[in-house]
Amino acid sequence: MTALILKDIATLKKTLLLTIPICIVLAVYGVYENAIFMIPLICAMIPLILTAIAFGYDTKSKFEQFAFSMPIKKSGYVLSKLFFAFLFGLIGSVCLFILLLIQNEMSIDNIILISLITLLSSVLVSAIQLPFILKYGAEKGRLIMVITYFAIFALSTLLKEKSYLLTDMIKLLSKYSMSMIFVGIVLLGLLIIGITINLSIAIMNKKEY
């Protein structure tokens, strides 16, 4: 799987050189405008784009036919496509943790919860994308991407205009046991991720290369 990840990084080298500065600028803008919720939204959106481009390159070069003629597991191929989601989610969660810690407006439990949810949501969104791209291809699978982008930008606009909603949500969560909330969210997220990964592998196994 490491070789597959390195292959995607090498393939998307030019795209990454353009994407990373854009992400930094957007994150800095979000912090400057006191809209740090942009960080988890960026971490969810960018991996969608990178993964779709990686699939496009694989399809164009017929890499899958070559890869599966070698001892490469289809499960490893599927998991490798979540690398960018995990990487950006991890970076976003760390940045969000540091920023919220500096602001010192929330308890450490809430900060940890939000940071971990950022990581989980980034992987979750990309995991949901996988079955569609594997089933319908990089071109047709872009429909779900367009819908996802629209949903992300709509959520971003809503949170920017009504930032009190996020505050009210946090206050509501604080009334309950943080450990129970954390376990519930993580288990639900992991369950959905597990289902989508298994579905993606099943789709791969039915294909002939």
Protein backbone atom coordinates (compact mmCIF):
# COMPACT_ATOMS: atom_id res chain seq x y z
CA MET A 1 0.00 0.00 0.00
CA THR A 2 2.95 2.33 0.66
CA ALA A 3 4.01 2.01 -2.98
CA LEU A 4 0.50 2.95 -4.12
CA ILE A 5 0.51 6.03 -1.87
CA LEU A 6 3.92 7.10 -3.16
CA LYS A 7 2.68 6.61 -6.71
CA ASP A 8 -0.28 8.93 -6.08
CA ILE A 9 1.97 11.55 -4.48
CA ALA A 10 4.33 11.44 -7.44
CA THR A 11 1.42 11.61 -9.88
CA LEU A 12 -0.15 14.59 -8.11
CA LYS A 13 3.12 16.40 -7.39
CA LYS A 14 2.25 19.46 -9.49
CA THR A 15 -1.31 19.55 -8.17
CA LEU A 16 -0.08 19.37 -4.57
CA LEU A 17 2.38 22.22 -5.16
CA LEU A 18 -0.58 24.36 -6.19
CA THR A 19 -3.10 23.01 -3.68
CA ILE A 20 -1.05 23.32 -0.48
CA PRO A 21 -0.41 27.11 -0.81
CA ILE A 22 -4.11 27.65 -1.56
CA CYS A 23 -5.05 25.67 1.57
CA ILE A 24 -2.64 27.73 3.67
CA VAL A 25 -4.04 31.01 2.33
CA LEU A 26 -7.64 29.91 2.96
CA ALA A 27 -6.78 28.71 6.47
CA VAL A 28 -5.01 31.98 7.31
CA TYR A 29 -7.97 33.92 5.95
CA GLY A 30 -10.32 31.83 8.09
CA VAL A 31 -8.26 32.53 11.20
CA TYR A 32 -8.04 36.25 10.34
CA GLU A 33 -11.81 36.47 9.88
CA ASN A 34 -12.36 34.42 13.05
CA ALA A 35 -13.99 31.71 10.94
CA ILE A 36 -11.79 28.77 11.86
CA PHE A 37 -14.57 26.38 10.86
CA MET A 38 -13.12 26.84 7.36
CA ILE A 39 -10.23 24.58 8.38
CA PRO A 40 -12.28 21.36 8.72
CA LEU A 41 -14.24 22.27 5.58
CA ILE A 42 -10.99 22.66 3.60
CA CYS A 43 -9.70 19.37 5.01
CA ALA A 44 -12.84 17.62 3.80
CA MET A 45 -12.99 19.24 0.35
CA ILE A 46 -9.37 19.13 -0.87
CA PRO A 47 -8.93 15.33 -0.48
CA LEU A 48 -12.07 14.86 -2.59
CA ILE A 49 -10.44 16.75 -5.43
CA LEU A 50 -7.07 15.00 -5.08
CA THR A 51 -8.62 11.55 -4.91
CA ALA A 52 -10.76 12.17 -7.99
CA ILE A 53 -7.72 13.38 -9.93
CA ALA A 54 -5.74 10.31 -8.82
CA PHE A 55 -8.53 8.01 -10.02
CA GLY A 56 -8.61 9.92 -13.31
CA TYR A 57 -4.90 9.33 -13.86
CA ASP A 58 -5.29 5.63 -12.99
CA THR A 59 -8.13 5.23 -15.47
CA LYS A 60 -6.33 7.12 -18.23
CA SER A 61 -3.11 5.13 -17.82
CA LYS A 62 -4.99 1.85 -17.19
CA PHE A 63 -3.00 1.48 -14.00
CA GLU A 64 -5.56 -0.82 -12.40
CA GLN A 65 -5.05 -3.46 -15.09
CA PHE A 66 -1.31 -3.31 -14.52
CA ALA A 67 -1.55 -3.22 -10.71
CA PHE A 68 -3.87 -6.20 -10.34
CA SER A 69 -1.74 -8.34 -12.61
CA MET A 70 0.79 -8.09 -9.79
CA PRO A 71 0.42 -9.23 -6.16
CA ILE A 72 -1.38 -6.03 -5.14
CA LYS A 73 -4.46 -6.45 -2.98
CA LYS A 74 -7.60 -4.60 -3.99
CA SER A 75 -8.20 -3.73 -0.35
CA GLY A 76 -4.78 -2.06 -0.28
CA TYR A 77 -5.66 -0.09 -3.40
CA VAL A 78 -8.91 1.16 -1.83
CA LEU A 79 -7.25 2.11 1.46
CA SER A 80 -4.45 3.96 -0.35
CA LYS A 81 -7.05 6.30 -1.82
CA LEU A 82 -7.89 7.50 1.70
CA PHE A 83 -4.34 8.65 2.38
CA PHE A 84 -4.92 12.28 1.39
CA ALA A 85 -8.10 12.41 3.46
CA PHE A 86 -6.26 11.09 6.51
CA LEU A 87 -3.27 13.41 5.97
CA PHE A 88 -5.30 16.59 5.52
CA GLY A 89 -7.66 15.56 8.31
CA LEU A 90 -4.73 15.02 10.66
CA ILE A 91 -3.13 18.35 9.79
CA GLY A 92 -6.48 20.12 10.12
CA SER A 93 -7.24 18.54 13.49
CA VAL A 94 -3.84 19.52 14.89
CA CYS A 95 -4.18 23.11 13.62
CA LEU A 96 -7.71 23.38 14.97
CA PHE A 97 -6.61 22.00 18.34
CA ILE A 98 -3.81 24.57 18.62
CA LEU A 99 -6.04 27.50 17.57
CA LEU A 100 -8.86 26.59 19.94
CA LEU A 101 -6.35 26.05 22.73
CA ILE A 102 -4.89 29.52 22.13
CA GLN A 103 -8.36 31.12 22.13
CA ASN A 104 -9.05 29.43 25.47
CA GLU A 105 -12.82 29.76 25.04
CA MET A 106 -13.67 26.06 25.38
CA SER A 107 -12.87 23.25 27.74
CA ILE A 108 -10.06 20.90 26.75
CA ASP A 109 -12.62 18.09 26.33
CA ASN A 110 -14.57 20.08 23.74
CA ILE A 111 -11.37 21.03 21.93
CA ILE A 112 -10.24 17.40 21.70
CA LEU A 113 -13.70 16.33 20.54
CA ILE A 114 -13.87 18.93 17.77
CA SER A 115 -10.31 18.16 16.63
CA LEU A 116 -10.93 14.43 16.41
CA ILE A 117 -14.23 14.97 14.62
CA THR A 118 -12.32 17.05 12.04
CA LEU A 119 -10.04 14.08 11.33
CA LEU A 120 -12.93 11.64 11.26
CA SER A 121 -15.12 13.79 9.01
CA SER A 122 -12.33 14.27 6.47
CA VAL A 123 -11.86 10.52 6.10
CA LEU A 124 -15.62 9.93 6.18
CA VAL A 125 -16.41 12.27 3.29
CA SER A 126 -13.71 10.73 1.08
CA ALA A 127 -14.76 7.20 2.08
CA ILE A 128 -18.33 7.96 0.97
CA GLN A 129 -16.96 9.18 -2.36
CA LEU A 130 -15.03 5.96 -3.10
CA PRO A 131 -17.89 3.58 -4.01
CA PHE A 132 -19.35 6.09 -6.48
CA ILE A 133 -16.07 6.62 -8.31
CA LEU A 134 -15.26 2.90 -8.35
CA LYS A 135 -18.75 2.03 -9.55
CA TYR A 136 -19.31 4.73 -12.16
CA GLY A 137 -15.75 5.82 -12.93
CA ALA A 138 -13.95 9.09 -12.34
CA GLU A 139 -16.06 10.97 -14.90
CA LYS A 140 -19.57 9.89 -13.91
CA GLY A 141 -18.60 9.73 -10.25
CA ARG A 142 -18.01 13.48 -10.29
CA LEU A 143 -21.73 14.02 -9.85
CA ILE A 144 -21.51 13.01 -6.20
CA MET A 145 -18.49 15.28 -5.92
CA VAL A 146 -20.45 18.26 -7.23
CA ILE A 147 -23.21 17.54 -4.73
CA THR A 148 -20.65 17.22 -1.94
CA TYR A 149 -18.91 20.48 -2.91
CA PHE A 150 -22.26 22.27 -2.95
CA ALA A 151 -23.12 20.88 0.48
CA ILE A 152 -19.74 21.91 1.90
CA PHE A 153 -19.94 25.46 0.54
CA ALA A 154 -23.56 25.77 1.67
CA LEU A 155 -22.54 24.66 5.15
CA SER A 156 -19.61 27.09 5.10
CA THR A 157 -21.90 29.99 4.15
CA LEU A 158 -24.45 29.01 6.79
CA LEU A 159 -21.85 28.82 9.54
CA LYS A 160 -20.32 32.13 8.49
CA GLU A 161 -23.66 33.94 8.51
CA LYS A 162 -24.97 32.21 11.62
CA SER A 163 -21.90 31.45 13.69
CA TYR A 164 -24.09 31.28 16.78
CA LEU A 165 -25.37 27.90 15.57
CA LEU A 166 -21.95 26.35 16.18
CA THR A 167 -21.78 27.96 19.61
CA ASP A 168 -25.27 26.73 20.50
CA MET A 169 -24.35 23.24 19.32
CA ILE A 170 -21.27 23.19 21.53
CA LYS A 171 -23.29 24.42 24.52
CA LEU A 172 -25.86 21.70 23.89
CA LEU A 173 -23.19 19.01 23.73
CA SER A 174 -21.62 20.31 26.94
CA LYS A 175 -24.78 19.35 28.85
CA TYR A 176 -24.09 15.67 28.22
CA SER A 177 -21.25 13.34 29.06
CA MET A 178 -18.40 14.26 26.73
CA SER A 179 -17.02 10.73 26.82
CA MET A 180 -20.36 9.25 25.72
CA ILE A 181 -20.74 11.82 22.94
CA PHE A 182 -17.19 11.17 21.78
CA VAL A 183 -17.63 7.40 21.74
CA GLY A 184 -20.98 7.69 19.95
CA ILE A 185 -19.69 10.00 17.20
CA VAL A 186 -16.51 8.00 16.68
CA LEU A 187 -18.32 4.67 16.54
CA LEU A 188 -20.91 5.99 14.08
CA GLY A 189 -18.21 7.54 11.89
CA LEU A 190 -16.06 4.41 11.96
CA LEU A 191 -19.11 2.26 11.16
CA ILE A 192 -19.94 4.31 8.07
CA ILE A 193 -16.29 4.37 6.98
CA GLY A 194 -16.08 0.59 7.43
CA ILE A 195 -19.24 0.05 5.40
CA THR A 196 -18.08 2.28 2.53
CA ILE A 197 -14.63 0.67 2.44
CA ASN A 198 -16.10 -2.85 2.34
CA LEU A 199 -18.54 -1.72 -0.34
CA SER A 200 -15.67 -0.26 -2.36
CA ILE A 201 -13.68 -3.50 -2.07
CA ALA A 202 -16.76 -5.52 -3.10
CA ILE A 203 -17.16 -3.31 -6.19
CA MET A 204 -13.48 -3.82 -7.03
CA ASN A 205 -13.78 -7.59 -6.66
CA LYS A 206 -16.67 -7.71 -9.14
CA LYS A 207 -14.72 -5.84 -11.79
CA GLU A 208 -12.65 -7.63 -14.37
CA TYR A 209 -9.26 -6.17 -15.28
